[in-house]
Amino acid sequence: MTDDADDGDGVPADTREAIMEATYAALCKHGYADLTMQAIADEFDMTKAVLHYHYDTKEDLLVSFLDYLLDQFLDAVDTNAAEESEDPDDPADRLVALVDSLVLGDRSGMPDDDRDARSEAEHWEYHTALLDVRAQAPHNDAFRDQLTTNYEYVAAAVATVVEDGVETGVFREVDPDRTAAWLLATINGARLHQVTLDADVAREVRDAIVEDWIPWLRRPESE
């Protein structure tokens, strides 16, 4: 993409990418309560006036940021499924890629010795900051609407993989939508506990899903 292309709301693609990266850095550094347009501007080589030219308020920018995160997640899932799955056509491997992206973040392309340190630390800094944004959703229609959209896309992605597994006989006869709702509730609970408790809950939940639940989901060969 060139800088002339836009994301659909009139912001040039390269400019939006720079703003979103700056928003991510500032949100991780300051949290929602202390996040300002100036703090975001300080994280990149543009002025606060550029931010206000494209986004009237911090709320407008953060709604766009949540939409950007959804795009990043969907791209990361495709990358992980293609690069890290033993068999990208296997619904179980695709489900593992989804779970890893949701629980541990996109770690594809990172050197092995960095994956468990730098990338994962940044991942949890982000989720700590995002928790602040989520806490505003009960009282902020724009945040709630965008978070709902994000959830629906992710739930549909999970349900599609489960449905493919059921239809091809790889998975047991489970309801894809209910299974996706349960899995996302489990993962969201793990992420919440990870950033609010002094315990490595997320990795334990990830391992339980990948090593115990997904093997159970596979249809026994005798059936």
C-alpha atoms as a PDB file:
ATOM      1  CA  MET A   1       0.000   0.000   0.000  1.00  0.00           C
ATOM      2  CA  THR A   2       1.130   3.555  -0.618  1.00  0.00           C
ATOM      3  CA  ASP A   3       0.486   6.506   1.610  1.00  0.00           C
ATOM      4  CA  ASP A   4      -2.264   7.546  -0.832  1.00  0.00           C
ATOM      5  CA  ALA A   5      -4.367   4.502   0.052  1.00  0.00           C
ATOM      6  CA  ASP A   6      -6.637   4.789   3.058  1.00  0.00           C
ATOM      7  CA  ASP A   7      -8.283   2.414   5.516  1.00  0.00           C
ATOM      8  CA  GLY A   8     -11.819   3.339   4.603  1.00  0.00           C
ATOM      9  CA  ASP A   9     -12.245   6.314   6.940  1.00  0.00           C
ATOM     10  CA  GLY A  10     -10.041   8.739   5.013  1.00  0.00           C
ATOM     11  CA  VAL A  11      -6.741   8.229   6.860  1.00  0.00           C
ATOM     12  CA  PRO A  12      -3.800   7.367   4.558  1.00  0.00           C
ATOM     13  CA  ALA A  13      -2.635   3.821   5.261  1.00  0.00           C
ATOM     14  CA  ASP A  14       0.951   4.691   6.217  1.00  0.00           C
ATOM     15  CA  THR A  15      -0.209   7.522   8.463  1.00  0.00           C
ATOM     16  CA  ARG A  16      -2.774   5.295  10.152  1.00  0.00           C
ATOM     17  CA  GLU A  17      -0.155   2.600  10.735  1.00  0.00           C
ATOM     18  CA  ALA A  18       2.155   5.116  12.401  1.00  0.00           C
ATOM     19  CA  ILE A  19      -0.669   6.493  14.547  1.00  0.00           C
ATOM     20  CA  MET A  20      -1.819   3.033  15.609  1.00  0.00           C
ATOM     21  CA  GLU A  21       1.712   1.971  16.560  1.00  0.00           C
ATOM     22  CA  ALA A  22       2.136   5.181  18.558  1.00  0.00           C
ATOM     23  CA  THR A  23      -1.228   4.589  20.261  1.00  0.00           C
ATOM     24  CA  TYR A  24      -0.182   1.064  21.194  1.00  0.00           C
ATOM     25  CA  ALA A  25       3.106   2.292  22.690  1.00  0.00           C
ATOM     26  CA  ALA A  26       1.472   5.152  24.594  1.00  0.00           C
ATOM     27  CA  LEU A  27      -1.359   2.985  25.891  1.00  0.00           C
ATOM     28  CA  CYS A  28       1.083   0.394  27.216  1.00  0.00           C
ATOM     29  CA  LYS A  29       3.201   3.120  28.807  1.00  0.00           C
ATOM     30  CA  HIS A  30       0.486   5.306  30.350  1.00  0.00           C
ATOM     31  CA  GLY A  31      -2.701   3.219  30.580  1.00  0.00           C
ATOM     32  CA  TYR A  32      -6.101   4.550  29.557  1.00  0.00           C
ATOM     33  CA  ALA A  33      -6.580   7.011  32.423  1.00  0.00           C
ATOM     34  CA  ASP A  34      -3.353   8.919  31.695  1.00  0.00           C
ATOM     35  CA  LEU A  35      -3.440   8.521  27.925  1.00  0.00           C
ATOM     36  CA  THR A  36      -3.561  11.847  26.084  1.00  0.00           C
ATOM     37  CA  MET A  37      -3.290  12.883  22.455  1.00  0.00           C
ATOM     38  CA  GLN A  38       0.034  14.513  23.343  1.00  0.00           C
ATOM     39  CA  ALA A  39       1.326  11.276  24.867  1.00  0.00           C
ATOM     40  CA  ILE A  40       0.468   9.491  21.615  1.00  0.00           C
ATOM     41  CA  ALA A  41       2.086  12.233  19.515  1.00  0.00           C
ATOM     42  CA  ASP A  42       5.242  11.900  21.597  1.00  0.00           C
ATOM     43  CA  GLU A  43       5.594   8.307  20.384  1.00  0.00           C
ATOM     44  CA  PHE A  44       5.980   9.162  16.687  1.00  0.00           C
ATOM     45  CA  ASP A  45       7.414  11.780  14.343  1.00  0.00           C
ATOM     46  CA  MET A  46       4.253  13.779  13.843  1.00  0.00           C
ATOM     47  CA  THR A  47       2.544  16.516  15.800  1.00  0.00           C
ATOM     48  CA  LYS A  48      -0.587  16.413  17.915  1.00  0.00           C
ATOM     49  CA  ALA A  49      -2.215  18.494  15.185  1.00  0.00           C
ATOM     50  CA  VAL A  50      -1.881  15.516  12.814  1.00  0.00           C
ATOM     51  CA  LEU A  51      -3.765  13.354  15.286  1.00  0.00           C
ATOM     52  CA  HIS A  52      -6.553  15.896  15.662  1.00  0.00           C
ATOM     53  CA  TYR A  53      -6.728  16.308  11.890  1.00  0.00           C
ATOM     54  CA  HIS A  54      -7.693  12.651  11.539  1.00  0.00           C
ATOM     55  CA  TYR A  55      -9.354  11.985  14.918  1.00  0.00           C
ATOM     56  CA  ASP A  56     -11.401  14.575  16.776  1.00  0.00           C
ATOM     57  CA  THR A  57     -11.014  12.984  20.215  1.00  0.00           C
ATOM     58  CA  LYS A  58      -9.062  10.346  22.089  1.00  0.00           C
ATOM     59  CA  GLU A  59     -12.224   8.233  22.041  1.00  0.00           C
ATOM     60  CA  ASP A  60     -12.425   8.392  18.228  1.00  0.00           C
ATOM     61  CA  LEU A  61      -8.787   7.370  17.953  1.00  0.00           C
ATOM     62  CA  LEU A  62      -9.208   4.449  20.348  1.00  0.00           C
ATOM     63  CA  VAL A  63     -12.249   3.136  18.487  1.00  0.00           C
ATOM     64  CA  SER A  64     -10.124   3.133  15.333  1.00  0.00           C
ATOM     65  CA  PHE A  65      -7.329   1.473  17.314  1.00  0.00           C
ATOM     66  CA  LEU A  66      -9.644  -1.350  18.389  1.00  0.00           C
ATOM     67  CA  ASP A  67     -10.639  -1.850  14.754  1.00  0.00           C
ATOM     68  CA  TYR A  68      -6.949  -1.889  13.803  1.00  0.00           C
ATOM     69  CA  LEU A  69      -6.267  -4.568  16.432  1.00  0.00           C
ATOM     70  CA  LEU A  70      -8.937  -6.754  14.867  1.00  0.00           C
ATOM     71  CA  ASP A  71      -7.242  -6.472  11.466  1.00  0.00           C
ATOM     72  CA  GLN A  72      -3.877  -7.276  13.034  1.00  0.00           C
ATOM     73  CA  PHE A  73      -5.290 -10.295  14.823  1.00  0.00           C
ATOM     74  CA  LEU A  74      -6.910 -11.726  11.702  1.00  0.00           C
ATOM     75  CA  ASP A  75      -3.655 -11.261   9.752  1.00  0.00           C
ATOM     76  CA  ALA A  76      -1.684 -12.898  12.567  1.00  0.00           C
ATOM     77  CA  VAL A  77      -4.002 -15.907  12.639  1.00  0.00           C
ATOM     78  CA  ASP A  78      -3.535 -16.425   8.900  1.00  0.00           C
ATOM     79  CA  THR A  79       0.253 -16.156   9.315  1.00  0.00           C
ATOM     80  CA  ASN A  80       0.391 -18.522  12.270  1.00  0.00           C
ATOM     81  CA  ALA A  81      -1.836 -21.061  10.562  1.00  0.00           C
ATOM     82  CA  ALA A  82       0.351 -21.004   7.459  1.00  0.00           C
ATOM     83  CA  GLU A  83       3.766 -20.953   9.141  1.00  0.00           C
ATOM     84  CA  GLU A  84       3.378 -22.776  12.456  1.00  0.00           C
ATOM     85  CA  SER A  85       0.769 -25.462  11.818  1.00  0.00           C
ATOM     86  CA  GLU A  86       2.057 -28.908  10.948  1.00  0.00           C
ATOM     87  CA  ASP A  87      -0.915 -29.227   8.606  1.00  0.00           C
ATOM     88  CA  PRO A  88      -2.728 -25.933   7.777  1.00  0.00           C
ATOM     89  CA  ASP A  89      -5.650 -27.966   6.446  1.00  0.00           C
ATOM     90  CA  ASP A  90      -6.115 -29.795   9.750  1.00  0.00           C
ATOM     91  CA  PRO A  91      -8.883 -28.078  11.801  1.00  0.00           C
ATOM     92  CA  ALA A  92      -7.143 -29.057  15.050  1.00  0.00           C
ATOM     93  CA  ASP A  93      -3.878 -27.379  13.986  1.00  0.00           C
ATOM     94  CA  ARG A  94      -5.794 -24.301  12.858  1.00  0.00           C
ATOM     95  CA  LEU A  95      -7.542 -24.204  16.237  1.00  0.00           C
ATOM     96  CA  VAL A  96      -4.189 -24.400  18.033  1.00  0.00           C
ATOM     97  CA  ALA A  97      -2.957 -21.442  15.961  1.00  0.00           C
ATOM     98  CA  LEU A  98      -6.050 -19.473  16.949  1.00  0.00           C
ATOM     99  CA  VAL A  99      -5.634 -20.288  20.630  1.00  0.00           C
ATOM    100  CA  ASP A 100      -1.950 -19.342  20.599  1.00  0.00           C
ATOM    101  CA  SER A 101      -2.719 -16.014  18.930  1.00  0.00           C
ATOM    102  CA  LEU A 102      -5.513 -15.264  21.387  1.00  0.00           C
ATOM    103  CA  VAL A 103      -3.708 -16.313  24.550  1.00  0.00           C
ATOM    104  CA  LEU A 104      -0.032 -15.633  23.894  1.00  0.00           C
ATOM    105  CA  GLY A 105      -0.162 -13.154  21.028  1.00  0.00           C
ATOM    106  CA  ASP A 106       1.401 -13.243  17.578  1.00  0.00           C
ATOM    107  CA  ARG A 107       4.906 -14.621  18.064  1.00  0.00           C
ATOM    108  CA  SER A 108       5.533 -15.723  14.489  1.00  0.00           C
ATOM    109  CA  GLY A 109       8.738 -14.365  13.022  1.00  0.00           C
ATOM    110  CA  MET A 110      10.318 -13.734  16.430  1.00  0.00           C
ATOM    111  CA  PRO A 111      13.678 -15.378  17.243  1.00  0.00           C
ATOM    112  CA  ASP A 112      13.166 -18.366  19.528  1.00  0.00           C
ATOM    113  CA  ASP A 113      15.078 -16.807  22.421  1.00  0.00           C
ATOM    114  CA  ASP A 114      12.871 -13.674  22.250  1.00  0.00           C
ATOM    115  CA  ARG A 115       9.457 -15.333  22.053  1.00  0.00           C
ATOM    116  CA  ASP A 116       9.079 -16.139  25.749  1.00  0.00           C
ATOM    117  CA  ALA A 117      10.569 -12.867  26.957  1.00  0.00           C
ATOM    118  CA  ARG A 118      10.261  -9.671  24.937  1.00  0.00           C
ATOM    119  CA  SER A 119       7.240 -10.480  22.788  1.00  0.00           C
ATOM    120  CA  GLU A 120       5.215 -12.046  25.590  1.00  0.00           C
ATOM    121  CA  ALA A 121       6.051  -9.243  28.033  1.00  0.00           C
ATOM    122  CA  GLU A 122       4.828  -6.684  25.500  1.00  0.00           C
ATOM    123  CA  HIS A 123       1.729  -8.809  24.913  1.00  0.00           C
ATOM    124  CA  TRP A 124       0.738  -8.625  28.588  1.00  0.00           C
ATOM    125  CA  GLU A 125       1.553  -4.929  28.827  1.00  0.00           C
ATOM    126  CA  TYR A 126      -0.918  -4.451  26.012  1.00  0.00           C
ATOM    127  CA  HIS A 127      -3.611  -6.569  27.676  1.00  0.00           C
ATOM    128  CA  THR A 128      -3.170  -4.647  30.927  1.00  0.00           C
ATOM    129  CA  ALA A 129      -3.762  -1.416  29.028  1.00  0.00           C
ATOM    130  CA  LEU A 130      -6.653  -2.896  27.057  1.00  0.00           C
ATOM    131  CA  LEU A 131      -8.310  -3.900  30.326  1.00  0.00           C
ATOM    132  CA  ASP A 132      -8.570  -0.178  31.100  1.00  0.00           C
ATOM    133  CA  VAL A 133     -10.311   0.402  27.769  1.00  0.00           C
ATOM    134  CA  ARG A 134     -12.683  -2.524  28.302  1.00  0.00           C
ATOM    135  CA  ALA A 135     -13.599  -1.109  31.705  1.00  0.00           C
ATOM    136  CA  GLN A 136     -15.011   1.962  29.934  1.00  0.00           C
ATOM    137  CA  ALA A 137     -17.274  -0.105  27.647  1.00  0.00           C
ATOM    138  CA  PRO A 138     -20.278  -0.397  30.016  1.00  0.00           C
ATOM    139  CA  HIS A 139     -20.526   3.399  29.950  1.00  0.00           C
ATOM    140  CA  ASN A 140     -19.230   4.119  26.436  1.00  0.00           C
ATOM    141  CA  ASP A 141     -21.364   3.061  23.481  1.00  0.00           C
ATOM    142  CA  ALA A 142     -18.601   3.542  20.901  1.00  0.00           C
ATOM    143  CA  PHE A 143     -16.161   1.304  22.789  1.00  0.00           C
ATOM    144  CA  ARG A 144     -18.835  -1.310  23.461  1.00  0.00           C
ATOM    145  CA  ASP A 145     -19.934  -1.384  19.824  1.00  0.00           C
ATOM    146  CA  GLN A 146     -16.382  -1.829  18.513  1.00  0.00           C
ATOM    147  CA  LEU A 147     -15.487  -4.434  21.145  1.00  0.00           C
ATOM    148  CA  THR A 148     -18.668  -6.306  20.237  1.00  0.00           C
ATOM    149  CA  THR A 149     -17.700  -6.221  16.571  1.00  0.00           C
ATOM    150  CA  ASN A 150     -14.230  -7.538  17.414  1.00  0.00           C
ATOM    151  CA  TYR A 151     -15.718 -10.324  19.514  1.00  0.00           C
ATOM    152  CA  GLU A 152     -18.155 -11.335  16.790  1.00  0.00           C
ATOM    153  CA  TYR A 153     -15.393 -11.578  14.175  1.00  0.00           C
ATOM    154  CA  VAL A 154     -13.169 -13.663  16.438  1.00  0.00           C
ATOM    155  CA  ALA A 155     -16.052 -15.886  17.530  1.00  0.00           C
ATOM    156  CA  ALA A 156     -16.968 -16.433  13.875  1.00  0.00           C
ATOM    157  CA  ALA A 157     -13.361 -17.376  13.075  1.00  0.00           C
ATOM    158  CA  VAL A 158     -13.326 -19.946  15.882  1.00  0.00           C
ATOM    159  CA  ALA A 159     -16.775 -21.285  14.983  1.00  0.00           C
ATOM    160  CA  THR A 160     -15.739 -21.697  11.334  1.00  0.00           C
ATOM    161  CA  VAL A 161     -12.760 -23.855  12.277  1.00  0.00           C
ATOM    162  CA  VAL A 162     -14.886 -25.966  14.616  1.00  0.00           C
ATOM    163  CA  GLU A 163     -17.607 -26.316  11.989  1.00  0.00           C
ATOM    164  CA  ASP A 164     -15.027 -27.433   9.407  1.00  0.00           C
ATOM    165  CA  GLY A 165     -13.765 -30.029  11.865  1.00  0.00           C
ATOM    166  CA  VAL A 166     -17.247 -31.362  12.546  1.00  0.00           C
ATOM    167  CA  GLU A 167     -18.211 -31.490   8.872  1.00  0.00           C
ATOM    168  CA  THR A 168     -15.007 -33.313   7.861  1.00  0.00           C
ATOM    169  CA  GLY A 169     -15.347 -35.814  10.681  1.00  0.00           C
ATOM    170  CA  VAL A 170     -12.223 -34.614  12.505  1.00  0.00           C
ATOM    171  CA  PHE A 171     -14.130 -33.227  15.512  1.00  0.00           C
ATOM    172  CA  ARG A 172     -16.936 -34.600  17.623  1.00  0.00           C
ATOM    173  CA  GLU A 173     -20.497 -33.461  16.947  1.00  0.00           C
ATOM    174  CA  VAL A 174     -20.443 -30.183  18.900  1.00  0.00           C
ATOM    175  CA  ASP A 175     -22.278 -26.925  18.274  1.00  0.00           C
ATOM    176  CA  PRO A 176     -19.713 -24.568  16.659  1.00  0.00           C
ATOM    177  CA  ASP A 177     -21.217 -21.322  17.993  1.00  0.00           C
ATOM    178  CA  ARG A 178     -21.604 -22.576  21.560  1.00  0.00           C
ATOM    179  CA  THR A 179     -18.120 -24.076  21.454  1.00  0.00           C
ATOM    180  CA  ALA A 180     -16.665 -20.764  20.240  1.00  0.00           C
ATOM    181  CA  ALA A 181     -18.497 -18.842  22.985  1.00  0.00           C
ATOM    182  CA  TRP A 182     -17.172 -21.240  25.640  1.00  0.00           C
ATOM    183  CA  LEU A 183     -13.619 -21.172  24.300  1.00  0.00           C
ATOM    184  CA  LEU A 184     -13.478 -17.374  24.110  1.00  0.00           C
ATOM    185  CA  ALA A 185     -14.936 -17.014  27.609  1.00  0.00           C
ATOM    186  CA  THR A 186     -12.248 -19.385  28.891  1.00  0.00           C
ATOM    187  CA  ILE A 187      -9.482 -17.483  27.096  1.00  0.00           C
ATOM    188  CA  ASN A 188     -10.772 -14.066  28.195  1.00  0.00           C
ATOM    189  CA  GLY A 189     -10.896 -15.296  31.782  1.00  0.00           C
ATOM    190  CA  ALA A 190      -7.317 -16.519  31.497  1.00  0.00           C
ATOM    191  CA  ARG A 191      -6.142 -13.175  30.140  1.00  0.00           C
ATOM    192  CA  LEU A 192      -7.985 -11.284  32.871  1.00  0.00           C
ATOM    193  CA  HIS A 193      -6.429 -13.426  35.586  1.00  0.00           C
ATOM    194  CA  GLN A 194      -2.985 -13.131  33.991  1.00  0.00           C
ATOM    195  CA  VAL A 195      -2.963  -9.328  34.270  1.00  0.00           C
ATOM    196  CA  THR A 196      -4.685  -9.079  37.667  1.00  0.00           C
ATOM    197  CA  LEU A 197      -3.146 -11.974  39.616  1.00  0.00           C
ATOM    198  CA  ASP A 198       0.413 -12.871  40.565  1.00  0.00           C
ATOM    199  CA  ALA A 199       0.232 -16.182  38.710  1.00  0.00           C
ATOM    200  CA  ASP A 200       1.013 -17.504  35.221  1.00  0.00           C
ATOM    201  CA  VAL A 201      -2.587 -18.505  34.572  1.00  0.00           C
ATOM    202  CA  ALA A 202      -2.645 -17.868  30.824  1.00  0.00           C
ATOM    203  CA  ARG A 203      -0.020 -20.442  29.902  1.00  0.00           C
ATOM    204  CA  GLU A 204      -1.662 -23.076  32.092  1.00  0.00           C
ATOM    205  CA  VAL A 205      -5.015 -22.454  30.413  1.00  0.00           C
ATOM    206  CA  ARG A 206      -3.403 -22.473  26.957  1.00  0.00           C
ATOM    207  CA  ASP A 207      -1.744 -25.823  27.684  1.00  0.00           C
ATOM    208  CA  ALA A 208      -4.981 -27.261  29.067  1.00  0.00           C
ATOM    209  CA  ILE A 209      -6.836 -26.245  25.904  1.00  0.00           C
ATOM    210  CA  VAL A 210      -4.145 -27.421  23.488  1.00  0.00           C
ATOM    211  CA  GLU A 211      -3.004 -30.558  25.294  1.00  0.00           C
ATOM    212  CA  ASP A 212      -6.263 -31.741  26.883  1.00  0.00           C
ATOM    213  CA  TRP A 213      -9.354 -30.176  25.327  1.00  0.00           C
ATOM    214  CA  ILE A 214      -8.442 -30.143  21.624  1.00  0.00           C
ATOM    215  CA  PRO A 215      -7.369 -33.814  21.738  1.00  0.00           C
ATOM    216  CA  TRP A 216     -10.754 -34.563  23.389  1.00  0.00           C
ATOM    217  CA  LEU A 217     -12.493 -32.572  20.643  1.00  0.00           C
ATOM    218  CA  ARG A 218     -11.008 -34.876  18.025  1.00  0.00           C
ATOM    219  CA  ARG A 219     -13.396 -37.677  17.116  1.00  0.00           C
ATOM    220  CA  PRO A 220     -12.080 -41.038  18.354  1.00  0.00           C
ATOM    221  CA  GLU A 221     -10.834 -43.150  15.456  1.00  0.00           C
ATOM    222  CA  SER A 222     -13.114 -45.998  16.512  1.00  0.00           C
ATOM    223  CA  GLU A 223     -16.253 -43.939  15.796  1.00  0.00           C
END
